[in-house]
Amino acid sequence: MPREKKKELIERIQTYFYEERDEEIGELAAENVLHFIMSDIGPTLYNAGISDAIGMTEQKWMSIEQDLEALKKPDPEVNR
């Protein structure tokens, strides 16, 4: 993760703790929270995103298959 993005996330965690819990936490504590989220919670969220992407891809593929079927021309050999 780029250094600037990590810094931004740490600041957001600090802001969250201050606004939601009326608690000030230092940069190290916020970095530990970020590490916990990324290592323990992140994979679950990532996998959910992948599952959503698979579902969307399957829907798109079905739509493409239907569109391609609609483009088929009648085969005169089949009607004989």
PDB file of N, CA and C in Angstrom:
ATOM      1  N   MET A   1       0.854  -1.167   0.000  1.00  0.00           N
ATOM      2  CA  MET A   1       0.000   0.000   0.000  1.00  0.00           C
ATOM      3  C   MET A   1       0.903   1.233   0.000  1.00  0.00           C
ATOM      4  N   PRO A   2       0.597   2.191  -0.836  1.00  0.00           N
ATOM      5  CA  PRO A   2       1.408   3.412  -0.847  1.00  0.00           C
ATOM      6  C   PRO A   2       1.410   4.100   0.528  1.00  0.00           C
ATOM      7  N   ARG A   3       2.524   4.684   0.858  1.00  0.00           N
ATOM      8  CA  ARG A   3       2.709   5.334   2.163  1.00  0.00           C
ATOM      9  C   ARG A   3       1.641   6.383   2.441  1.00  0.00           C
ATOM     10  N   GLU A   4       1.294   7.169   1.420  1.00  0.00           N
ATOM     11  CA  GLU A   4       0.294   8.231   1.616  1.00  0.00           C
ATOM     12  C   GLU A   4      -1.081   7.653   1.920  1.00  0.00           C
ATOM     13  N   LYS A   5      -1.439   6.552   1.252  1.00  0.00           N
ATOM     14  CA  LYS A   5      -2.739   5.929   1.505  1.00  0.00           C
ATOM     15  C   LYS A   5      -2.786   5.352   2.922  1.00  0.00           C
ATOM     16  N   LYS A   6      -1.694   4.712   3.344  1.00  0.00           N
ATOM     17  CA  LYS A   6      -1.632   4.153   4.693  1.00  0.00           C
ATOM     18  C   LYS A   6      -1.767   5.265   5.727  1.00  0.00           C
ATOM     19  N   LYS A   7      -1.085   6.381   5.495  1.00  0.00           N
ATOM     20  CA  LYS A   7      -1.158   7.528   6.412  1.00  0.00           C
ATOM     21  C   LYS A   7      -2.593   8.047   6.488  1.00  0.00           C
ATOM     22  N   GLU A   8      -3.256   8.130   5.347  1.00  0.00           N
ATOM     23  CA  GLU A   8      -4.639   8.604   5.308  1.00  0.00           C
ATOM     24  C   GLU A   8      -5.560   7.663   6.103  1.00  0.00           C
ATOM     25  N   LEU A   9      -5.373   6.358   5.942  1.00  0.00           N
ATOM     26  CA  LEU A   9      -6.207   5.393   6.663  1.00  0.00           C
ATOM     27  C   LEU A   9      -5.976   5.468   8.166  1.00  0.00           C
ATOM     28  N   ILE A  10      -4.737   5.629   8.554  1.00  0.00           N
ATOM     29  CA  ILE A  10      -4.415   5.772   9.982  1.00  0.00           C
ATOM     30  C   ILE A  10      -5.106   7.007  10.554  1.00  0.00           C
ATOM     31  N   GLU A  11      -5.063   8.104   9.822  1.00  0.00           N
ATOM     32  CA  GLU A  11      -5.731   9.328  10.273  1.00  0.00           C
ATOM     33  C   GLU A  11      -7.242   9.126  10.362  1.00  0.00           C
ATOM     34  N   ARG A  12      -7.804   8.384   9.427  1.00  0.00           N
ATOM     35  CA  ARG A  12      -9.249   8.122   9.458  1.00  0.00           C
ATOM     36  C   ARG A  12      -9.616   7.268  10.667  1.00  0.00           C
ATOM     37  N   ILE A  13      -8.773   6.324  11.005  1.00  0.00           N
ATOM     38  CA  ILE A  13      -9.014   5.499  12.196  1.00  0.00           C
ATOM     39  C   ILE A  13      -8.959   6.358  13.447  1.00  0.00           C
ATOM     40  N   GLN A  14      -7.971   7.238  13.517  1.00  0.00           N
ATOM     41  CA  GLN A  14      -7.863   8.135  14.665  1.00  0.00           C
ATOM     42  C   GLN A  14      -9.103   9.026  14.763  1.00  0.00           C
ATOM     43  N   THR A  15      -9.552   9.535  13.640  1.00  0.00           N
ATOM     44  CA  THR A  15     -10.748  10.383  13.618  1.00  0.00           C
ATOM     45  C   THR A  15     -11.966   9.592  14.067  1.00  0.00           C
ATOM     46  N   TYR A  16     -12.091   8.371  13.589  1.00  0.00           N
ATOM     47  CA  TYR A  16     -13.217   7.522  13.988  1.00  0.00           C
ATOM     48  C   TYR A  16     -13.238   7.324  15.510  1.00  0.00           C
ATOM     49  N   PHE A  17     -12.111   6.961  16.069  1.00  0.00           N
ATOM     50  CA  PHE A  17     -12.057   6.732  17.514  1.00  0.00           C
ATOM     51  C   PHE A  17     -12.417   8.015  18.269  1.00  0.00           C
ATOM     52  N   TYR A  18     -11.960   9.149  17.774  1.00  0.00           N
ATOM     53  CA  TYR A  18     -12.242  10.411  18.459  1.00  0.00           C
ATOM     54  C   TYR A  18     -13.728  10.769  18.357  1.00  0.00           C
ATOM     55  N   GLU A  19     -14.286  10.660  17.148  1.00  0.00           N
ATOM     56  CA  GLU A  19     -15.676  11.086  16.940  1.00  0.00           C
ATOM     57  C   GLU A  19     -16.693  10.090  17.482  1.00  0.00           C
ATOM     58  N   GLU A  20     -16.420   8.806  17.381  1.00  0.00           N
ATOM     59  CA  GLU A  20     -17.395   7.789  17.766  1.00  0.00           C
ATOM     60  C   GLU A  20     -17.238   7.314  19.212  1.00  0.00           C
ATOM     61  N   ARG A  21     -16.015   7.349  19.707  1.00  0.00           N
ATOM     62  CA  ARG A  21     -15.773   6.797  21.035  1.00  0.00           C
ATOM     63  C   ARG A  21     -15.239   7.840  22.017  1.00  0.00           C
ATOM     64  N   ASP A  22     -15.070   9.073  21.508  1.00  0.00           N
ATOM     65  CA  ASP A  22     -14.516  10.159  22.321  1.00  0.00           C
ATOM     66  C   ASP A  22     -13.193   9.725  22.951  1.00  0.00           C
ATOM     67  N   GLU A  23     -12.378   9.093  22.133  1.00  0.00           N
ATOM     68  CA  GLU A  23     -11.119   8.511  22.595  1.00  0.00           C
ATOM     69  C   GLU A  23     -10.011   8.893  21.602  1.00  0.00           C
ATOM     70  N   GLU A  24      -8.949   9.430  22.130  1.00  0.00           N
ATOM     71  CA  GLU A  24      -7.818   9.753  21.270  1.00  0.00           C
ATOM     72  C   GLU A  24      -6.842   8.589  21.289  1.00  0.00           C
ATOM     73  N   ILE A  25      -6.476   8.138  20.089  1.00  0.00           N
ATOM     74  CA  ILE A  25      -5.463   7.089  20.011  1.00  0.00           C
ATOM     75  C   ILE A  25      -4.300   7.608  19.179  1.00  0.00           C
ATOM     76  N   GLY A  26      -3.134   7.121  19.500  1.00  0.00           N
ATOM     77  CA  GLY A  26      -1.947   7.557  18.793  1.00  0.00           C
ATOM     78  C   GLY A  26      -1.802   6.882  17.441  1.00  0.00           C
ATOM     79  N   GLU A  27      -0.798   7.315  16.731  1.00  0.00           N
ATOM     80  CA  GLU A  27      -0.544   6.795  15.397  1.00  0.00           C
ATOM     81  C   GLU A  27      -0.232   5.292  15.441  1.00  0.00           C
ATOM     82  N   LEU A  28       0.553   4.866  16.420  1.00  0.00           N
ATOM     83  CA  LEU A  28       0.904   3.450  16.530  1.00  0.00           C
ATOM     84  C   LEU A  28      -0.327   2.593  16.805  1.00  0.00           C
ATOM     85  N   ALA A  29      -1.198   3.042  17.701  1.00  0.00           N
ATOM     86  CA  ALA A  29      -2.424   2.295  17.999  1.00  0.00           C
ATOM     87  C   ALA A  29      -3.316   2.216  16.760  1.00  0.00           C
ATOM     88  N   ALA A  30      -3.425   3.326  16.056  1.00  0.00           N
ATOM     89  CA  ALA A  30      -4.238   3.342  14.838  1.00  0.00           C
ATOM     90  C   ALA A  30      -3.629   2.427  13.775  1.00  0.00           C
ATOM     91  N   GLU A  31      -2.320   2.405  13.692  1.00  0.00           N
ATOM     92  CA  GLU A  31      -1.650   1.510  12.738  1.00  0.00           C
ATOM     93  C   GLU A  31      -1.899   0.048  13.116  1.00  0.00           C
ATOM     94  N   ASN A  32      -1.925  -0.245  14.409  1.00  0.00           N
ATOM     95  CA  ASN A  32      -2.231  -1.605  14.855  1.00  0.00           C
ATOM     96  C   ASN A  32      -3.656  -2.002  14.490  1.00  0.00           C
ATOM     97  N   VAL A  33      -4.593  -1.076  14.625  1.00  0.00           N
ATOM     98  CA  VAL A  33      -5.975  -1.339  14.229  1.00  0.00           C
ATOM     99  C   VAL A  33      -6.029  -1.607  12.725  1.00  0.00           C
ATOM    100  N   LEU A  34      -5.335  -0.794  11.955  1.00  0.00           N
ATOM    101  CA  LEU A  34      -5.294  -0.977  10.504  1.00  0.00           C
ATOM    102  C   LEU A  34      -4.717  -2.352  10.157  1.00  0.00           C
ATOM    103  N   HIS A  35      -3.645  -2.726  10.810  1.00  0.00           N
ATOM    104  CA  HIS A  35      -3.032  -4.034  10.556  1.00  0.00           C
ATOM    105  C   HIS A  35      -4.017  -5.154  10.886  1.00  0.00           C
ATOM    106  N   PHE A  36      -4.722  -5.033  12.012  1.00  0.00           N
ATOM    107  CA  PHE A  36      -5.721  -6.032  12.392  1.00  0.00           C
ATOM    108  C   PHE A  36      -6.812  -6.146  11.328  1.00  0.00           C
ATOM    109  N   ILE A  37      -7.317  -5.018  10.893  1.00  0.00           N
ATOM    110  CA  ILE A  37      -8.378  -5.028   9.886  1.00  0.00           C
ATOM    111  C   ILE A  37      -7.877  -5.683   8.601  1.00  0.00           C
ATOM    112  N   MET A  38      -6.690  -5.294   8.173  1.00  0.00           N
ATOM    113  CA  MET A  38      -6.154  -5.830   6.924  1.00  0.00           C
ATOM    114  C   MET A  38      -5.860  -7.324   7.019  1.00  0.00           C
ATOM    115  N   SER A  39      -5.330  -7.788   8.140  1.00  0.00           N
ATOM    116  CA  SER A  39      -4.926  -9.190   8.233  1.00  0.00           C
ATOM    117  C   SER A  39      -6.049 -10.120   8.679  1.00  0.00           C
ATOM    118  N   ASP A  40      -6.943  -9.653   9.546  1.00  0.00           N
ATOM    119  CA  ASP A  40      -7.966 -10.529  10.097  1.00  0.00           C
ATOM    120  C   ASP A  40      -9.347 -10.356   9.455  1.00  0.00           C
ATOM    121  N   ILE A  41      -9.674  -9.151   9.059  1.00  0.00           N
ATOM    122  CA  ILE A  41     -10.990  -8.873   8.502  1.00  0.00           C
ATOM    123  C   ILE A  41     -10.921  -8.708   6.986  1.00  0.00           C
ATOM    124  N   GLY A  42      -9.826  -8.169   6.520  1.00  0.00           N
ATOM    125  CA  GLY A  42      -9.652  -7.899   5.097  1.00  0.00           C
ATOM    126  C   GLY A  42      -9.914  -9.092   4.192  1.00  0.00           C
ATOM    127  N   PRO A  43      -9.370 -10.281   4.501  1.00  0.00           N
ATOM    128  CA  PRO A  43      -9.611 -11.421   3.608  1.00  0.00           C
ATOM    129  C   PRO A  43     -11.091 -11.771   3.451  1.00  0.00           C
ATOM    130  N   THR A  44     -11.870 -11.639   4.514  1.00  0.00           N
ATOM    131  CA  THR A  44     -13.307 -11.917   4.424  1.00  0.00           C
ATOM    132  C   THR A  44     -13.979 -10.923   3.480  1.00  0.00           C
ATOM    133  N   LEU A  45     -13.635  -9.644   3.612  1.00  0.00           N
ATOM    134  CA  LEU A  45     -14.210  -8.624   2.731  1.00  0.00           C
ATOM    135  C   LEU A  45     -13.749  -8.813   1.289  1.00  0.00           C
ATOM    136  N   TYR A  46     -12.481  -9.148   1.114  1.00  0.00           N
ATOM    137  CA  TYR A  46     -11.924  -9.384  -0.221  1.00  0.00           C
ATOM    138  C   TYR A  46     -12.651 -10.556  -0.887  1.00  0.00           C
ATOM    139  N   ASN A  47     -12.807 -11.655  -0.150  1.00  0.00           N
ATOM    140  CA  ASN A  47     -13.472 -12.830  -0.704  1.00  0.00           C
ATOM    141  C   ASN A  47     -14.928 -12.543  -1.051  1.00  0.00           C
ATOM    142  N   ALA A  48     -15.594 -11.721  -0.241  1.00  0.00           N
ATOM    143  CA  ALA A  48     -16.968 -11.325  -0.551  1.00  0.00           C
ATOM    144  C   ALA A  48     -17.002 -10.526  -1.853  1.00  0.00           C
ATOM    145  N   GLY A  49     -16.026  -9.663  -2.047  1.00  0.00           N
ATOM    146  CA  GLY A  49     -15.937  -8.895  -3.293  1.00  0.00           C
ATOM    147  C   GLY A  49     -15.710  -9.796  -4.495  1.00  0.00           C
ATOM    148  N   ILE A  50     -14.844 -10.796  -4.322  1.00  0.00           N
ATOM    149  CA  ILE A  50     -14.592 -11.741  -5.401  1.00  0.00           C
ATOM    150  C   ILE A  50     -15.868 -12.516  -5.725  1.00  0.00           C
ATOM    151  N   SER A  51     -16.596 -12.951  -4.709  1.00  0.00           N
ATOM    152  CA  SER A  51     -17.860 -13.676  -4.931  1.00  0.00           C
ATOM    153  C   SER A  51     -18.867 -12.796  -5.668  1.00  0.00           C
ATOM    154  N   ASP A  52     -18.950 -11.534  -5.283  1.00  0.00           N
ATOM    155  CA  ASP A  52     -19.838 -10.603  -5.985  1.00  0.00           C
ATOM    156  C   ASP A  52     -19.414 -10.456  -7.447  1.00  0.00           C
ATOM    157  N   ALA A  53     -18.114 -10.354  -7.698  1.00  0.00           N
ATOM    158  CA  ALA A  53     -17.612 -10.210  -9.062  1.00  0.00           C
ATOM    159  C   ALA A  53     -17.926 -11.455  -9.889  1.00  0.00           C
ATOM    160  N   ILE A  54     -17.808 -12.634  -9.278  1.00  0.00           N
ATOM    161  CA  ILE A  54     -18.143 -13.882  -9.976  1.00  0.00           C
ATOM    162  C   ILE A  54     -19.620 -13.875 -10.362  1.00  0.00           C
ATOM    163  N   GLY A  55     -20.483 -13.494  -9.421  1.00  0.00           N
ATOM    164  CA  GLY A  55     -21.916 -13.433  -9.704  1.00  0.00           C
ATOM    165  C   GLY A  55     -22.239 -12.467 -10.828  1.00  0.00           C
ATOM    166  N   MET A  56     -21.636 -11.291 -10.793  1.00  0.00           N
ATOM    167  CA  MET A  56     -21.873 -10.307 -11.848  1.00  0.00           C
ATOM    168  C   MET A  56     -21.363 -10.814 -13.186  1.00  0.00           C
ATOM    169  N   THR A  57     -20.201 -11.467 -13.188  1.00  0.00           N
ATOM    170  CA  THR A  57     -19.633 -12.001 -14.423  1.00  0.00           C
ATOM    171  C   THR A  57     -20.538 -13.076 -14.999  1.00  0.00           C
ATOM    172  N   GLU A  58     -21.077 -13.949 -14.142  1.00  0.00           N
ATOM    173  CA  GLU A  58     -21.992 -14.989 -14.610  1.00  0.00           C
ATOM    174  C   GLU A  58     -23.245 -14.382 -15.227  1.00  0.00           C
ATOM    175  N   GLN A  59     -23.787 -13.335 -14.593  1.00  0.00           N
ATOM    176  CA  GLN A  59     -24.966 -12.664 -15.146  1.00  0.00           C
ATOM    177  C   GLN A  59     -24.662 -12.041 -16.494  1.00  0.00           C
ATOM    178  N   LYS A  60     -23.510 -11.376 -16.588  1.00  0.00           N
ATOM    179  CA  LYS A  60     -23.122 -10.746 -17.856  1.00  0.00           C
ATOM    180  C   LYS A  60     -22.954 -11.814 -18.933  1.00  0.00           C
ATOM    181  N   TRP A  61     -22.306 -12.939 -18.573  1.00  0.00           N
ATOM    182  CA  TRP A  61     -22.074 -13.988 -19.553  1.00  0.00           C
ATOM    183  C   TRP A  61     -23.406 -14.553 -20.060  1.00  0.00           C
ATOM    184  N   MET A  62     -24.372 -14.759 -19.157  1.00  0.00           N
ATOM    185  CA  MET A  62     -25.679 -15.256 -19.583  1.00  0.00           C
ATOM    186  C   MET A  62     -26.327 -14.276 -20.551  1.00  0.00           C
ATOM    187  N   SER A  63     -26.194 -12.997 -20.273  1.00  0.00           N
ATOM    188  CA  SER A  63     -26.757 -11.974 -21.147  1.00  0.00           C
ATOM    189  C   SER A  63     -26.067 -11.993 -22.511  1.00  0.00           C
ATOM    190  N   ILE A  64     -24.761 -12.162 -22.512  1.00  0.00           N
ATOM    191  CA  ILE A  64     -24.009 -12.227 -23.776  1.00  0.00           C
ATOM    192  C   ILE A  64     -24.433 -13.453 -24.571  1.00  0.00           C
ATOM    193  N   GLU A  65     -24.587 -14.596 -23.881  1.00  0.00           N
ATOM    194  CA  GLU A  65     -25.026 -15.818 -24.568  1.00  0.00           C
ATOM    195  C   GLU A  65     -26.399 -15.623 -25.203  1.00  0.00           C
ATOM    196  N   GLN A  66     -27.309 -14.976 -24.484  1.00  0.00           N
ATOM    197  CA  GLN A  66     -28.646 -14.721 -25.029  1.00  0.00           C
ATOM    198  C   GLN A  66     -28.564 -13.801 -26.235  1.00  0.00           C
ATOM    199  N   ASP A  67     -27.736 -12.770 -26.144  1.00  0.00           N
ATOM    200  CA  ASP A  67     -27.573 -11.851 -27.270  1.00  0.00           C
ATOM    201  C   ASP A  67     -26.999 -12.576 -28.488  1.00  0.00           C
ATOM    202  N   LEU A  68     -26.030 -13.446 -28.268  1.00  0.00           N
ATOM    203  CA  LEU A  68     -25.433 -14.192 -29.374  1.00  0.00           C
ATOM    204  C   LEU A  68     -26.435 -15.173 -29.984  1.00  0.00           C
ATOM    205  N   GLU A  69     -27.218 -15.840 -29.155  1.00  0.00           N
ATOM    206  CA  GLU A  69     -28.252 -16.750 -29.662  1.00  0.00           C
ATOM    207  C   GLU A  69     -29.249 -15.993 -30.539  1.00  0.00           C
ATOM    208  N   ALA A  70     -29.591 -14.776 -30.134  1.00  0.00           N
ATOM    209  CA  ALA A  70     -30.547 -13.969 -30.894  1.00  0.00           C
ATOM    210  C   ALA A  70     -29.984 -13.572 -32.256  1.00  0.00           C
ATOM    211  N   LEU A  71     -28.677 -13.570 -32.407  1.00  0.00           N
ATOM    212  CA  LEU A  71     -28.052 -13.202 -33.684  1.00  0.00           C
ATOM    213  C   LEU A  71     -28.004 -14.358 -34.678  1.00  0.00           C
ATOM    214  N   LYS A  72     -28.278 -15.557 -34.204  1.00  0.00           N
ATOM    215  CA  LYS A  72     -28.217 -16.715 -35.102  1.00  0.00           C
ATOM    216  C   LYS A  72     -29.241 -16.582 -36.213  1.00  0.00           C
ATOM    217  N   LYS A  73     -28.851 -17.030 -37.373  1.00  0.00           N
ATOM    218  CA  LYS A  73     -29.748 -17.002 -38.533  1.00  0.00           C
ATOM    219  C   LYS A  73     -30.348 -18.397 -38.683  1.00  0.00           C
ATOM    220  N   PRO A  74     -31.535 -18.477 -39.244  1.00  0.00           N
ATOM    221  CA  PRO A  74     -32.162 -19.781 -39.471  1.00  0.00           C
ATOM    222  C   PRO A  74     -31.286 -20.611 -40.412  1.00  0.00           C
ATOM    223  N   ASP A  75     -31.181 -21.894 -40.119  1.00  0.00           N
ATOM    224  CA  ASP A  75     -30.414 -22.798 -40.950  1.00  0.00           C
ATOM    225  C   ASP A  75     -31.369 -23.538 -41.865  1.00  0.00           C
ATOM    226  N   PRO A  76     -31.290 -23.297 -43.186  1.00  0.00           N
ATOM    227  CA  PRO A  76     -32.232 -23.930 -44.101  1.00  0.00           C
ATOM    228  C   PRO A  76     -32.121 -25.455 -44.090  1.00  0.00           C
ATOM    229  N   GLU A  77     -30.998 -25.996 -43.749  1.00  0.00           N
ATOM    230  CA  GLU A  77     -30.808 -27.444 -43.703  1.00  0.00           C
ATOM    231  C   GLU A  77     -31.624 -28.078 -42.584  1.00  0.00           C
ATOM    232  N   VAL A  78     -31.843 -27.358 -41.498  1.00  0.00           N
ATOM    233  CA  VAL A  78     -32.563 -27.875 -40.342  1.00  0.00           C
ATOM    234  C   VAL A  78     -34.054 -28.004 -40.670  1.00  0.00           C
ATOM    235  N   ASN A  79     -34.582 -27.136 -41.498  1.00  0.00           N
ATOM    236  CA  ASN A  79     -36.018 -27.113 -41.800  1.00  0.00           C
ATOM    237  C   ASN A  79     -36.406 -28.106 -42.882  1.00  0.00           C
ATOM    238  N   ARG A  80     -35.529 -28.876 -43.438  1.00  0.00           N
ATOM    239  CA  ARG A  80     -35.860 -29.827 -44.507  1.00  0.00           C
ATOM    240  C   ARG A  80     -36.310 -31.110 -43.989  1.00  0.00           C
TER     241      ARG A  80
END
